[in-house]
Amino acid sequence: MFIYTIRRLNLFLITLFILTLIGYSILRIEPSSYWNLHEFWPGWLLYLDNLMVGNLGLNQEGQPILSEILQVFPATLELCFFAFILSLIVGIPLGTLAGVKRGRWVDTCISSLTLVGYSLPLFWLAMLFIMLFSLKLGWLPVAGRYNLLYQIDSVTGFALIDVFLSDMSYRSAALIDVIRHLVLPTLVLAIAPTTEVIRLTRASVADVMQQNFIKVAQTKGLSMWEIIIRHALKNAIPPIIPKLGMQFSTMMTFAMLTESIFNWPGIGRWLLDAIATQNYVAIQAGVITVGGFILFANILSDLAGAMVNPLTRKEWYAIK
């Protein structure tokens, strides 16, 4: 496990260096940029020194742009976290059912719904949800993170946690309002990863159900429920953990469009505003932040998958 971890960390560092080259090149796009005063490689080393101390540049007001990222990035993480949890809650049971009933009508229905959900345009689905649940039924807010009438002090940047930490008299009402604002963007953002979780789980469970130890368990008289919980899922989930981590990374991309539609104050909408105004300092800061987080999430999911799936480590040992 130690050797596997070292190899993954080496891959992380190499990819991170490539990411810094991309961020540095973005800063050099503008001809009048400070970074164009340096030769490429000496300037890149100076850029790395700034990154090491958390200096991502200054905004147009001369303030550290890191402070802006610390305000918008938690909002994106909060949205992606709940969308990811929702995709697991829905995707794993449906994928398991489809894998167990492979080739039957249940599998066909679930696979068809998965294909339809994956094919639906995200922006069209978001607008449809807004028209139905917000404008027609009036159940949920149209946009925003919470009603501005509630004065919620930003302590952690995560609205739900900040509400719990506050001592305001209307905390319960504020908490309900935050949850109501979170529902629609979470549902929209969870559609694509849920379909992928269903596909991965179905394929893994279907493969496990063909193994000999499943047949042995059936001959012992174990119920299908016991076989699925004690044997099928135990062996089907570990191989797909690294791929599930990649789905969380993919959601960061979908979050940009989701935040734009629902006016969610996250880093996705912040980056789109920076692109519209050609603010290259903000663009590189966003690329470094989002890219670095995605790399970290992928490495973490790989290590978690290796811890529960020894076959992954054996594959690395075989490559020499």
Protein backbone atom coordinates (compact mmCIF):
# COMPACT_ATOMS: atom_id res chain seq x y z
CA MET A 1 0.00 0.00 0.00
CA PHE A 2 2.90 2.35 0.74
CA ILE A 3 4.40 1.88 -2.73
CA TYR A 4 0.99 2.35 -4.34
CA THR A 5 0.47 5.58 -2.39
CA ILE A 6 3.89 6.93 -3.42
CA ARG A 7 3.15 6.21 -7.06
CA ARG A 8 -0.21 7.95 -6.90
CA LEU A 9 1.33 10.96 -5.17
CA ASN A 10 4.01 11.16 -7.86
CA LEU A 11 1.31 11.16 -10.51
CA PHE A 12 -0.53 13.86 -8.55
CA LEU A 13 2.56 16.08 -8.41
CA ILE A 14 3.33 15.66 -12.10
CA THR A 15 -0.24 16.55 -13.07
CA LEU A 16 -0.20 19.46 -10.64
CA PHE A 17 2.93 20.86 -12.26
CA ILE A 18 1.22 20.66 -15.65
CA LEU A 19 -1.77 22.49 -14.16
CA THR A 20 0.49 25.29 -12.92
CA LEU A 21 1.90 25.64 -16.43
CA ILE A 22 -1.64 26.11 -17.73
CA GLY A 23 -2.43 28.71 -15.06
CA TYR A 24 0.81 30.55 -15.72
CA SER A 25 0.18 30.54 -19.47
CA ILE A 26 -3.27 32.08 -18.90
CA LEU A 27 -1.65 34.98 -17.06
CA ARG A 28 0.65 35.58 -20.03
CA ILE A 29 -2.23 35.89 -22.52
CA GLU A 30 -2.69 39.58 -21.77
CA PRO A 31 0.20 41.49 -23.43
CA SER A 32 0.44 44.04 -20.61
CA SER A 33 0.58 41.37 -17.90
CA TYR A 34 3.31 41.57 -15.28
CA TRP A 35 4.27 37.98 -16.06
CA ASN A 36 5.22 38.88 -19.64
CA LEU A 37 8.13 40.88 -18.24
CA HIS A 38 9.89 37.61 -17.36
CA GLU A 39 11.24 34.81 -19.47
CA PHE A 40 8.90 31.83 -19.46
CA TRP A 41 10.72 29.39 -17.16
CA PRO A 42 12.12 31.93 -14.63
CA GLY A 43 8.67 33.50 -14.50
CA TRP A 44 7.11 30.09 -13.94
CA LEU A 45 9.40 29.44 -10.98
CA LEU A 46 8.40 32.81 -9.54
CA TYR A 47 4.75 31.88 -10.14
CA LEU A 48 5.28 28.64 -8.20
CA ASP A 49 6.76 30.59 -5.30
CA ASN A 50 3.62 32.72 -5.18
CA LEU A 51 1.38 29.66 -5.25
CA MET A 52 3.29 28.06 -2.39
CA VAL A 53 2.35 30.98 -0.11
CA GLY A 54 -1.26 31.10 -1.34
CA ASN A 55 -0.83 34.15 -3.55
CA LEU A 56 -3.15 33.70 -6.53
CA GLY A 57 -2.98 37.34 -7.55
CA LEU A 58 -4.98 40.48 -6.91
CA ASN A 59 -8.45 41.41 -8.10
CA GLN A 60 -9.35 44.64 -9.86
CA GLU A 61 -9.69 46.40 -6.50
CA GLY A 62 -6.19 45.36 -5.46
CA GLN A 63 -7.42 42.81 -2.91
CA PRO A 64 -6.14 39.20 -2.74
CA ILE A 65 -8.23 37.11 -5.09
CA LEU A 66 -7.91 34.21 -2.66
CA SER A 67 -10.48 35.92 -0.43
CA GLU A 68 -13.02 35.83 -3.27
CA ILE A 69 -12.36 32.14 -3.89
CA LEU A 70 -12.87 31.37 -0.20
CA GLN A 71 -16.30 32.97 -0.49
CA VAL A 72 -17.51 31.24 -3.66
CA PHE A 73 -15.80 27.83 -3.59
CA PRO A 74 -17.61 26.53 -0.45
CA ALA A 75 -20.94 27.22 -2.16
CA THR A 76 -19.92 25.00 -5.08
CA LEU A 77 -18.63 22.27 -2.77
CA GLU A 78 -21.88 22.31 -0.80
CA LEU A 79 -23.94 21.95 -3.97
CA CYS A 80 -21.72 19.20 -5.41
CA PHE A 81 -21.62 17.31 -2.12
CA PHE A 82 -25.40 16.98 -1.82
CA ALA A 83 -25.75 16.18 -5.52
CA PHE A 84 -23.11 13.47 -5.17
CA ILE A 85 -24.79 11.98 -2.08
CA LEU A 86 -28.14 12.01 -3.89
CA SER A 87 -26.61 10.25 -6.91
CA LEU A 88 -25.24 7.50 -4.64
CA ILE A 89 -28.53 7.09 -2.73
CA VAL A 90 -30.49 6.70 -5.97
CA GLY A 91 -27.86 5.19 -8.27
CA ILE A 92 -26.49 2.32 -6.17
CA PRO A 93 -29.86 0.67 -5.36
CA LEU A 94 -31.13 1.06 -8.94
CA GLY A 95 -27.83 -0.16 -10.38
CA THR A 96 -27.85 -3.13 -8.02
CA LEU A 97 -31.41 -4.02 -9.00
CA ALA A 98 -30.55 -3.78 -12.69
CA GLY A 99 -27.44 -5.92 -12.20
CA VAL A 100 -29.29 -8.61 -10.29
CA LYS A 101 -32.14 -8.65 -12.85
CA ARG A 102 -29.81 -8.40 -15.83
CA GLY A 103 -31.56 -9.08 -19.14
CA ARG A 104 -35.04 -8.87 -17.63
CA TRP A 105 -37.68 -6.18 -18.03
CA VAL A 106 -36.58 -4.41 -14.82
CA ASP A 107 -33.05 -4.08 -16.19
CA THR A 108 -34.41 -2.84 -19.51
CA CYS A 109 -36.55 -0.15 -17.84
CA ILE A 110 -33.75 1.10 -15.59
CA SER A 111 -31.23 1.11 -18.45
CA SER A 112 -33.65 3.01 -20.67
CA LEU A 113 -34.32 5.62 -17.99
CA THR A 114 -30.56 5.93 -17.46
CA LEU A 115 -30.00 6.57 -21.13
CA VAL A 116 -32.78 9.15 -21.26
CA GLY A 117 -31.46 10.92 -18.16
CA TYR A 118 -27.94 11.03 -19.53
CA SER A 119 -29.16 12.40 -22.87
CA LEU A 120 -31.27 15.23 -21.47
CA PRO A 121 -29.62 18.67 -21.85
CA LEU A 122 -28.81 20.07 -18.43
CA PHE A 123 -29.95 23.61 -19.20
CA TRP A 124 -33.27 22.37 -20.64
CA LEU A 125 -33.93 20.21 -17.59
CA ALA A 126 -33.10 23.08 -15.24
CA MET A 127 -35.49 25.43 -17.02
CA LEU A 128 -38.20 22.75 -16.99
CA PHE A 129 -37.81 22.27 -13.23
CA ILE A 130 -37.97 26.02 -12.65
CA MET A 131 -41.15 26.34 -14.73
CA LEU A 132 -42.83 23.42 -12.96
CA PHE A 133 -41.76 23.59 -9.32
CA SER A 134 -41.13 27.34 -8.99
CA LEU A 135 -43.33 29.25 -11.42
CA LYS A 136 -46.33 26.91 -11.76
CA LEU A 137 -46.53 25.10 -8.40
CA GLY A 138 -44.66 27.70 -6.33
CA TRP A 139 -43.08 25.03 -4.14
CA LEU A 140 -39.42 26.08 -4.46
CA PRO A 141 -37.49 29.31 -5.06
CA VAL A 142 -36.39 30.20 -8.57
CA ALA A 143 -32.79 31.08 -7.82
CA GLY A 144 -30.25 32.10 -5.19
CA ARG A 145 -28.75 30.39 -2.18
CA TYR A 146 -31.11 31.79 0.45
CA ASN A 147 -33.48 34.69 0.95
CA LEU A 148 -31.50 37.90 1.45
CA LEU A 149 -33.89 38.88 4.24
CA TYR A 150 -32.02 36.39 6.42
CA GLN A 151 -28.74 37.79 7.72
CA ILE A 152 -26.52 34.70 7.75
CA ASP A 153 -22.95 35.40 8.79
CA SER A 154 -20.42 33.51 6.68
CA VAL A 155 -18.22 31.52 9.06
CA THR A 156 -17.34 28.40 7.09
CA GLY A 157 -18.82 29.41 3.73
CA PHE A 158 -21.24 26.45 3.85
CA ALA A 159 -24.73 27.88 4.29
CA LEU A 160 -26.20 24.93 6.20
CA ILE A 161 -23.30 24.87 8.67
CA ASP A 162 -23.35 28.66 9.06
CA VAL A 163 -27.05 28.54 9.92
CA PHE A 164 -26.43 25.90 12.60
CA LEU A 165 -23.57 27.96 14.04
CA SER A 166 -25.62 31.15 14.19
CA ASP A 167 -27.56 32.22 17.24
CA MET A 168 -30.26 34.19 15.45
CA SER A 169 -33.84 33.85 16.60
CA TYR A 170 -35.10 32.84 13.14
CA ARG A 171 -32.56 30.03 12.68
CA SER A 172 -35.19 27.36 11.96
CA ALA A 173 -36.85 29.47 9.28
CA ALA A 174 -33.46 30.28 7.75
CA LEU A 175 -32.50 26.60 7.70
CA ILE A 176 -35.71 25.66 5.89
CA ASP A 177 -35.14 28.48 3.41
CA VAL A 178 -31.57 27.30 2.68
CA ILE A 179 -32.79 23.74 2.11
CA ARG A 180 -35.57 24.93 -0.22
CA HIS A 181 -33.05 26.89 -2.30
CA LEU A 182 -30.77 23.84 -2.40
CA VAL A 183 -33.34 21.34 -3.71
CA LEU A 184 -33.67 22.32 -7.39
CA PRO A 185 -30.00 22.85 -8.27
CA THR A 186 -29.12 19.64 -6.40
CA LEU A 187 -31.69 17.64 -8.37
CA VAL A 188 -30.50 19.05 -11.70
CA LEU A 189 -26.82 18.57 -10.91
CA ALA A 190 -27.37 14.99 -9.69
CA ILE A 191 -29.03 13.73 -12.90
CA ALA A 192 -25.89 13.03 -14.95
CA PRO A 193 -23.79 11.42 -12.18
CA THR A 194 -26.75 9.33 -11.06
CA THR A 195 -27.03 7.75 -14.50
CA GLU A 196 -23.30 6.99 -14.46
CA VAL A 197 -23.48 5.49 -10.95
CA ILE A 198 -26.33 3.26 -12.10
CA ARG A 199 -24.32 2.11 -15.12
CA LEU A 200 -21.17 1.38 -13.11
CA THR A 201 -23.04 -0.42 -10.33
CA ARG A 202 -25.09 -2.47 -12.77
CA ALA A 203 -22.02 -3.68 -14.65
CA SER A 204 -20.11 -4.52 -11.47
CA VAL A 205 -23.02 -6.29 -9.76
CA ALA A 206 -23.86 -8.25 -12.91
CA ASP A 207 -20.25 -9.45 -13.10
CA VAL A 208 -20.19 -10.47 -9.43
CA MET A 209 -23.48 -12.34 -9.72
CA GLN A 210 -21.84 -14.67 -12.26
CA GLN A 211 -19.07 -15.69 -9.88
CA ASN A 212 -18.90 -19.13 -8.31
CA PHE A 213 -19.15 -17.93 -4.70
CA ILE A 214 -22.57 -16.45 -5.49
CA LYS A 215 -23.71 -19.81 -6.81
CA VAL A 216 -22.37 -21.47 -3.67
CA ALA A 217 -24.33 -19.01 -1.52
CA GLN A 218 -27.48 -19.81 -3.48
CA THR A 219 -27.01 -23.56 -2.94
CA LYS A 220 -26.69 -22.93 0.80
CA GLY A 221 -30.23 -21.59 0.80
CA LEU A 222 -29.40 -17.92 1.46
CA SER A 223 -32.13 -15.49 0.46
CA MET A 224 -31.52 -13.13 -2.46
CA TRP A 225 -31.45 -10.19 -0.02
CA GLU A 226 -28.68 -11.82 2.02
CA ILE A 227 -26.71 -12.69 -1.12
CA ILE A 228 -26.90 -9.11 -2.38
CA ILE A 229 -25.98 -7.44 0.91
CA ARG A 230 -23.39 -9.91 2.24
CA HIS A 231 -21.73 -11.00 -0.99
CA ALA A 232 -22.69 -9.08 -4.13
CA LEU A 233 -22.34 -5.47 -2.94
CA LYS A 234 -19.34 -6.32 -0.77
CA ASN A 235 -17.45 -7.37 -3.90
CA ALA A 236 -19.07 -5.05 -6.45
CA ILE A 237 -18.63 -1.65 -4.78
CA PRO A 238 -14.82 -1.56 -4.12
CA PRO A 239 -13.78 -1.78 -7.82
CA ILE A 240 -15.97 1.21 -8.77
CA ILE A 241 -14.93 3.53 -5.93
CA PRO A 242 -12.20 5.27 -8.00
CA LYS A 243 -14.70 5.76 -10.84
CA LEU A 244 -17.23 7.20 -8.40
CA GLY A 245 -14.60 9.74 -7.35
CA MET A 246 -14.29 10.78 -10.97
CA GLN A 247 -18.03 11.45 -11.04
CA PHE A 248 -17.60 13.97 -8.24
CA SER A 249 -14.96 15.65 -10.38
CA THR A 250 -17.28 15.69 -13.38
CA MET A 251 -19.92 17.47 -11.31
CA MET A 252 -17.57 20.41 -10.88
CA THR A 253 -17.87 20.95 -14.63
CA PHE A 254 -21.66 20.63 -14.67
CA ALA A 255 -21.81 22.96 -11.66
CA MET A 256 -20.70 25.90 -13.80
CA LEU A 257 -23.85 25.70 -15.94
CA THR A 258 -26.10 24.86 -13.00
CA GLU A 259 -24.87 27.83 -10.97
CA SER A 260 -25.38 30.14 -13.93
CA ILE A 261 -29.00 29.06 -14.39
CA PHE A 262 -29.95 29.13 -10.71
CA ASN A 263 -27.87 32.21 -9.88
CA TRP A 264 -25.95 30.13 -7.35
CA PRO A 265 -23.03 32.16 -5.94
CA GLY A 266 -20.38 29.50 -6.52
CA ILE A 267 -17.04 29.37 -8.27
CA GLY A 268 -18.66 28.19 -11.50
CA ARG A 269 -20.69 31.36 -11.96
CA TRP A 270 -17.73 33.38 -10.68
CA LEU A 271 -15.51 31.85 -13.39
CA LEU A 272 -18.08 32.54 -16.11
CA ASP A 273 -18.18 36.19 -15.02
CA ALA A 274 -14.37 36.29 -15.13
CA ILE A 275 -14.36 34.84 -18.64
CA ALA A 276 -16.98 37.36 -19.79
CA THR A 277 -14.86 40.27 -18.51
CA GLN A 278 -11.57 38.68 -19.65
CA ASN A 279 -10.21 38.78 -16.10
CA TYR A 280 -7.23 36.48 -16.65
CA VAL A 281 -6.04 36.67 -13.05
CA ALA A 282 -9.38 35.38 -11.81
CA ILE A 283 -9.51 32.75 -14.57
CA GLN A 284 -6.11 31.28 -13.65
CA ALA A 285 -7.00 31.36 -9.95
CA GLY A 286 -10.21 29.47 -10.66
CA VAL A 287 -8.45 26.96 -12.90
CA ILE A 288 -5.78 26.29 -10.27
CA THR A 289 -8.35 25.95 -7.47
CA VAL A 290 -10.83 23.74 -9.31
CA GLY A 291 -8.14 21.70 -11.05
CA GLY A 292 -6.20 21.17 -7.84
CA PHE A 293 -9.32 20.07 -6.00
CA ILE A 294 -10.29 17.64 -8.78
CA LEU A 295 -6.80 16.12 -8.70
CA PHE A 296 -7.01 15.77 -4.92
CA ALA A 297 -10.47 14.16 -5.12
CA ASN A 298 -9.28 11.66 -7.74
CA ILE A 299 -6.18 10.71 -5.76
CA LEU A 300 -8.26 10.33 -2.59
CA SER A 301 -10.79 8.09 -4.35
CA ASP A 302 -7.98 5.98 -5.84
CA LEU A 303 -6.40 5.49 -2.42
CA ALA A 304 -9.76 4.68 -0.85
CA GLY A 305 -10.45 2.17 -3.60
CA ALA A 306 -7.03 0.56 -3.14
CA MET A 307 -7.57 0.23 0.61
CA VAL A 308 -10.75 -1.81 0.14
CA ASN A 309 -9.75 -3.53 -3.13
CA PRO A 310 -6.34 -5.26 -3.01
CA LEU A 311 -6.61 -6.20 -6.71
CA THR A 312 -5.95 -2.56 -7.58
CA ARG A 313 -2.59 -2.65 -5.80
CA LYS A 314 -1.70 -5.92 -7.52
CA GLU A 315 -2.25 -4.28 -10.89
CA TRP A 316 0.30 -1.59 -9.98
CA TYR A 317 2.81 -4.16 -8.77
CA ALA A 318 2.46 -6.01 -12.07
CA ILE A 319 3.52 -2.91 -14.03
CA LYS A 320 7.28 -2.91 -13.66
